Amino acid sequence: MRKPAQKTLLILLLIYGVVSLIHFIHNAEFLSDYPDLPASWTSAGVYFAWIGMTIVGVVGWVLVNREYQIVGLMVLAIYAILGIGSLGHYVLAPLSEHSVTMNSTILLEVVAAACVLIEIMRQLARKNSQRESPKHYVSKTIKEE
């Protein structure tokens, strides 16, 4: 059975993965409607970008579950930051130039990715505080003597 923190992270990752897929599908299928995207972008390229991004998330999750938790959480943080990067749509064109559906898929992905990142930061902070806990240090020191 998974630890509660891992269950929470898994649920958030699954939500983020689904919302991200929805955004990328919309982006790929309505690519020409998105304002000011580079003309060189293709639907296939958008799908490959999602696959590449998702591989980063899967690798992070595998590392977390193979006891490489800190490294895995850092890889998952990169995955989450990639999702927050969808705000780049608004660097190219303001919110008002995007349709309601475009804005919804972009912002849902960003919020989901931010929730994943917050959970990762919470877990990293907890691991750090457990590692530096005076109680842990005292018991370790006593055992060494």
C-alpha atoms as a PDB file:
ATOM      1  CA  MET A   1       0.000   0.000   0.000  1.00  0.00           C
ATOM      2  CA  ARG A   2       1.230   3.489  -0.841  1.00  0.00           C
ATOM      3  CA  LYS A   3       1.933   6.146   1.747  1.00  0.00           C
ATOM      4  CA  PRO A   4      -0.751   8.868   1.955  1.00  0.00           C
ATOM      5  CA  ALA A   5       1.687  11.445   0.540  1.00  0.00           C
ATOM      6  CA  GLN A   6       2.345   9.213  -2.477  1.00  0.00           C
ATOM      7  CA  LYS A   7      -1.384   8.702  -3.012  1.00  0.00           C
ATOM      8  CA  THR A   8      -1.949  12.455  -2.921  1.00  0.00           C
ATOM      9  CA  LEU A   9       0.888  13.040  -5.374  1.00  0.00           C
ATOM     10  CA  LEU A  10      -0.338  10.274  -7.684  1.00  0.00           C
ATOM     11  CA  ILE A  11      -3.875  11.700  -7.751  1.00  0.00           C
ATOM     12  CA  LEU A  12      -2.557  15.188  -8.509  1.00  0.00           C
ATOM     13  CA  LEU A  13      -0.253  13.815 -11.222  1.00  0.00           C
ATOM     14  CA  LEU A  14      -3.109  11.919 -12.859  1.00  0.00           C
ATOM     15  CA  ILE A  15      -5.338  15.009 -12.826  1.00  0.00           C
ATOM     16  CA  TYR A  16      -2.512  17.099 -14.250  1.00  0.00           C
ATOM     17  CA  GLY A  17      -1.781  14.462 -16.918  1.00  0.00           C
ATOM     18  CA  VAL A  18      -5.416  14.362 -18.067  1.00  0.00           C
ATOM     19  CA  VAL A  19      -5.840  18.150 -18.063  1.00  0.00           C
ATOM     20  CA  SER A  20      -2.530  18.545 -19.880  1.00  0.00           C
ATOM     21  CA  LEU A  21      -3.615  16.016 -22.513  1.00  0.00           C
ATOM     22  CA  ILE A  22      -6.881  17.903 -23.017  1.00  0.00           C
ATOM     23  CA  HIS A  23      -4.975  21.162 -23.484  1.00  0.00           C
ATOM     24  CA  PHE A  24      -2.501  19.613 -25.913  1.00  0.00           C
ATOM     25  CA  ILE A  25      -5.269  17.913 -27.918  1.00  0.00           C
ATOM     26  CA  HIS A  26      -7.089  21.232 -28.204  1.00  0.00           C
ATOM     27  CA  ASN A  27      -3.832  22.967 -29.098  1.00  0.00           C
ATOM     28  CA  ALA A  28      -3.011  20.370 -31.777  1.00  0.00           C
ATOM     29  CA  GLU A  29      -6.472  20.238 -33.317  1.00  0.00           C
ATOM     30  CA  PHE A  30      -6.995  24.012 -33.357  1.00  0.00           C
ATOM     31  CA  LEU A  31      -3.373  25.010 -33.867  1.00  0.00           C
ATOM     32  CA  SER A  32      -4.136  27.605 -36.525  1.00  0.00           C
ATOM     33  CA  ASP A  33      -6.679  29.277 -34.233  1.00  0.00           C
ATOM     34  CA  TYR A  34      -4.187  29.891 -31.430  1.00  0.00           C
ATOM     35  CA  PRO A  35      -2.911  33.446 -31.796  1.00  0.00           C
ATOM     36  CA  ASP A  36       0.698  34.112 -32.766  1.00  0.00           C
ATOM     37  CA  LEU A  37       2.024  30.549 -32.468  1.00  0.00           C
ATOM     38  CA  PRO A  38       5.030  29.894 -34.708  1.00  0.00           C
ATOM     39  CA  ALA A  39       4.026  28.842 -38.227  1.00  0.00           C
ATOM     40  CA  SER A  40       6.517  25.969 -38.023  1.00  0.00           C
ATOM     41  CA  TRP A  41       4.474  24.196 -35.318  1.00  0.00           C
ATOM     42  CA  THR A  42       2.476  21.170 -36.453  1.00  0.00           C
ATOM     43  CA  SER A  43      -0.232  19.084 -34.816  1.00  0.00           C
ATOM     44  CA  ALA A  44       2.130  16.109 -34.737  1.00  0.00           C
ATOM     45  CA  GLY A  45       4.779  18.277 -33.098  1.00  0.00           C
ATOM     46  CA  VAL A  46       2.328  19.308 -30.384  1.00  0.00           C
ATOM     47  CA  TYR A  47       1.456  15.665 -29.678  1.00  0.00           C
ATOM     48  CA  PHE A  48       5.152  14.716 -29.576  1.00  0.00           C
ATOM     49  CA  ALA A  49       5.793  17.589 -27.173  1.00  0.00           C
ATOM     50  CA  TRP A  50       3.093  16.210 -24.858  1.00  0.00           C
ATOM     51  CA  ILE A  51       4.564  12.708 -25.081  1.00  0.00           C
ATOM     52  CA  GLY A  52       8.032  14.037 -24.264  1.00  0.00           C
ATOM     53  CA  MET A  53       6.724  16.072 -21.371  1.00  0.00           C
ATOM     54  CA  THR A  54       4.747  13.112 -20.039  1.00  0.00           C
ATOM     55  CA  ILE A  55       7.797  10.853 -20.210  1.00  0.00           C
ATOM     56  CA  VAL A  56       9.517  13.274 -17.822  1.00  0.00           C
ATOM     57  CA  GLY A  57       6.608  12.832 -15.398  1.00  0.00           C
ATOM     58  CA  VAL A  58       6.605   9.039 -15.702  1.00  0.00           C
ATOM     59  CA  VAL A  59      10.367   8.883 -15.094  1.00  0.00           C
ATOM     60  CA  GLY A  60       9.949  11.082 -12.015  1.00  0.00           C
ATOM     61  CA  TRP A  61       7.167   8.881 -10.645  1.00  0.00           C
ATOM     62  CA  VAL A  62       9.201   5.709 -11.226  1.00  0.00           C
ATOM     63  CA  LEU A  63      12.179   7.236  -9.416  1.00  0.00           C
ATOM     64  CA  VAL A  64       9.998   8.233  -6.450  1.00  0.00           C
ATOM     65  CA  ASN A  65       8.708   4.680  -6.213  1.00  0.00           C
ATOM     66  CA  ARG A  66      12.148   3.093  -6.598  1.00  0.00           C
ATOM     67  CA  GLU A  67      13.376   4.812  -3.429  1.00  0.00           C
ATOM     68  CA  TYR A  68      15.103   7.638  -5.301  1.00  0.00           C
ATOM     69  CA  GLN A  69      12.576   9.983  -3.777  1.00  0.00           C
ATOM     70  CA  ILE A  70      14.502  13.267  -3.759  1.00  0.00           C
ATOM     71  CA  VAL A  71      15.708  12.852  -7.351  1.00  0.00           C
ATOM     72  CA  GLY A  72      12.250  11.676  -8.414  1.00  0.00           C
ATOM     73  CA  LEU A  73      10.573  14.656  -6.775  1.00  0.00           C
ATOM     74  CA  MET A  74      13.015  16.987  -8.508  1.00  0.00           C
ATOM     75  CA  VAL A  75      12.221  15.387 -11.891  1.00  0.00           C
ATOM     76  CA  LEU A  76       8.507  15.706 -11.121  1.00  0.00           C
ATOM     77  CA  ALA A  77       9.084  19.376 -10.261  1.00  0.00           C
ATOM     78  CA  ILE A  78      10.532  19.844 -13.757  1.00  0.00           C
ATOM     79  CA  TYR A  79       7.441  18.112 -15.170  1.00  0.00           C
ATOM     80  CA  ALA A  80       5.173  20.471 -13.234  1.00  0.00           C
ATOM     81  CA  ILE A  81       7.164  23.519 -14.324  1.00  0.00           C
ATOM     82  CA  LEU A  82       6.725  22.417 -17.948  1.00  0.00           C
ATOM     83  CA  GLY A  83       2.959  22.586 -17.397  1.00  0.00           C
ATOM     84  CA  ILE A  84       3.175  26.010 -15.800  1.00  0.00           C
ATOM     85  CA  GLY A  85       5.066  26.963 -18.958  1.00  0.00           C
ATOM     86  CA  SER A  86       1.741  26.901 -20.790  1.00  0.00           C
ATOM     87  CA  LEU A  87       1.434  30.478 -19.566  1.00  0.00           C
ATOM     88  CA  GLY A  88       3.777  31.158 -22.476  1.00  0.00           C
ATOM     89  CA  HIS A  89       0.682  31.364 -24.652  1.00  0.00           C
ATOM     90  CA  TYR A  90       0.069  34.743 -23.000  1.00  0.00           C
ATOM     91  CA  VAL A  91       3.564  35.962 -23.841  1.00  0.00           C
ATOM     92  CA  LEU A  92       2.681  35.501 -27.503  1.00  0.00           C
ATOM     93  CA  ALA A  93      -0.826  36.963 -27.292  1.00  0.00           C
ATOM     94  CA  PRO A  94      -2.926  38.426 -24.479  1.00  0.00           C
ATOM     95  CA  LEU A  95      -5.676  36.485 -22.742  1.00  0.00           C
ATOM     96  CA  SER A  96      -8.305  38.480 -24.628  1.00  0.00           C
ATOM     97  CA  GLU A  97      -7.082  37.112 -27.988  1.00  0.00           C
ATOM     98  CA  HIS A  98      -7.669  33.504 -26.892  1.00  0.00           C
ATOM     99  CA  SER A  99     -11.069  31.836 -26.927  1.00  0.00           C
ATOM    100  CA  VAL A 100     -12.813  30.760 -23.726  1.00  0.00           C
ATOM    101  CA  THR A 101     -11.900  27.133 -24.472  1.00  0.00           C
ATOM    102  CA  MET A 102      -8.258  28.024 -25.115  1.00  0.00           C
ATOM    103  CA  ASN A 103      -8.053  29.993 -21.876  1.00  0.00           C
ATOM    104  CA  SER A 104      -9.828  27.224 -19.962  1.00  0.00           C
ATOM    105  CA  THR A 105      -7.485  24.470 -21.137  1.00  0.00           C
ATOM    106  CA  ILE A 106      -4.383  26.612 -20.624  1.00  0.00           C
ATOM    107  CA  LEU A 107      -5.368  27.769 -17.149  1.00  0.00           C
ATOM    108  CA  LEU A 108      -6.590  24.348 -16.006  1.00  0.00           C
ATOM    109  CA  GLU A 109      -3.253  22.854 -16.995  1.00  0.00           C
ATOM    110  CA  VAL A 110      -1.365  25.602 -15.174  1.00  0.00           C
ATOM    111  CA  VAL A 111      -3.463  25.210 -12.000  1.00  0.00           C
ATOM    112  CA  ALA A 112      -3.083  21.411 -12.053  1.00  0.00           C
ATOM    113  CA  ALA A 113       0.675  21.718 -12.585  1.00  0.00           C
ATOM    114  CA  ALA A 114       0.908  24.271  -9.764  1.00  0.00           C
ATOM    115  CA  CYS A 115      -0.935  21.881  -7.422  1.00  0.00           C
ATOM    116  CA  VAL A 116       1.580  19.151  -8.296  1.00  0.00           C
ATOM    117  CA  LEU A 117       4.466  21.539  -7.674  1.00  0.00           C
ATOM    118  CA  ILE A 118       3.027  22.621  -4.306  1.00  0.00           C
ATOM    119  CA  GLU A 119       2.680  18.966  -3.233  1.00  0.00           C
ATOM    120  CA  ILE A 120       6.263  18.268  -4.325  1.00  0.00           C
ATOM    121  CA  MET A 121       7.532  21.258  -2.346  1.00  0.00           C
ATOM    122  CA  ARG A 122       5.528  20.102   0.679  1.00  0.00           C
ATOM    123  CA  GLN A 123       7.060  16.636   0.480  1.00  0.00           C
ATOM    124  CA  LEU A 124      10.584  17.993   0.012  1.00  0.00           C
ATOM    125  CA  ALA A 125      10.145  20.353   2.969  1.00  0.00           C
ATOM    126  CA  ARG A 126       8.869  17.495   5.106  1.00  0.00           C
ATOM    127  CA  LYS A 127      11.813  15.281   4.151  1.00  0.00           C
ATOM    128  CA  ASN A 128      14.201  18.113   4.946  1.00  0.00           C
ATOM    129  CA  SER A 129      12.637  18.816   8.343  1.00  0.00           C
ATOM    130  CA  GLN A 130      12.725  15.101   9.251  1.00  0.00           C
ATOM    131  CA  ARG A 131      16.365  14.915   8.249  1.00  0.00           C
ATOM    132  CA  GLU A 132      17.295  17.947  10.345  1.00  0.00           C
ATOM    133  CA  SER A 133      15.000  17.154  13.268  1.00  0.00           C
ATOM    134  CA  PRO A 134      16.762  17.542  16.653  1.00  0.00           C
ATOM    135  CA  LYS A 135      14.922  14.414  17.857  1.00  0.00           C
ATOM    136  CA  HIS A 136      16.386  12.451  14.957  1.00  0.00           C
ATOM    137  CA  TYR A 137      19.838  13.920  15.598  1.00  0.00           C
ATOM    138  CA  VAL A 138      19.723  13.132  19.333  1.00  0.00           C
ATOM    139  CA  SER A 139      18.606   9.537  18.812  1.00  0.00           C
ATOM    140  CA  LYS A 140      21.264   9.055  16.143  1.00  0.00           C
ATOM    141  CA  THR A 141      23.947  10.513  18.434  1.00  0.00           C
ATOM    142  CA  ILE A 142      22.906   8.280  21.320  1.00  0.00           C
ATOM    143  CA  LYS A 143      23.026   5.188  19.100  1.00  0.00           C
ATOM    144  CA  GLU A 144      26.519   6.108  17.916  1.00  0.00           C
ATOM    145  CA  GLU A 145      27.860   6.323  21.494  1.00  0.00           C
END
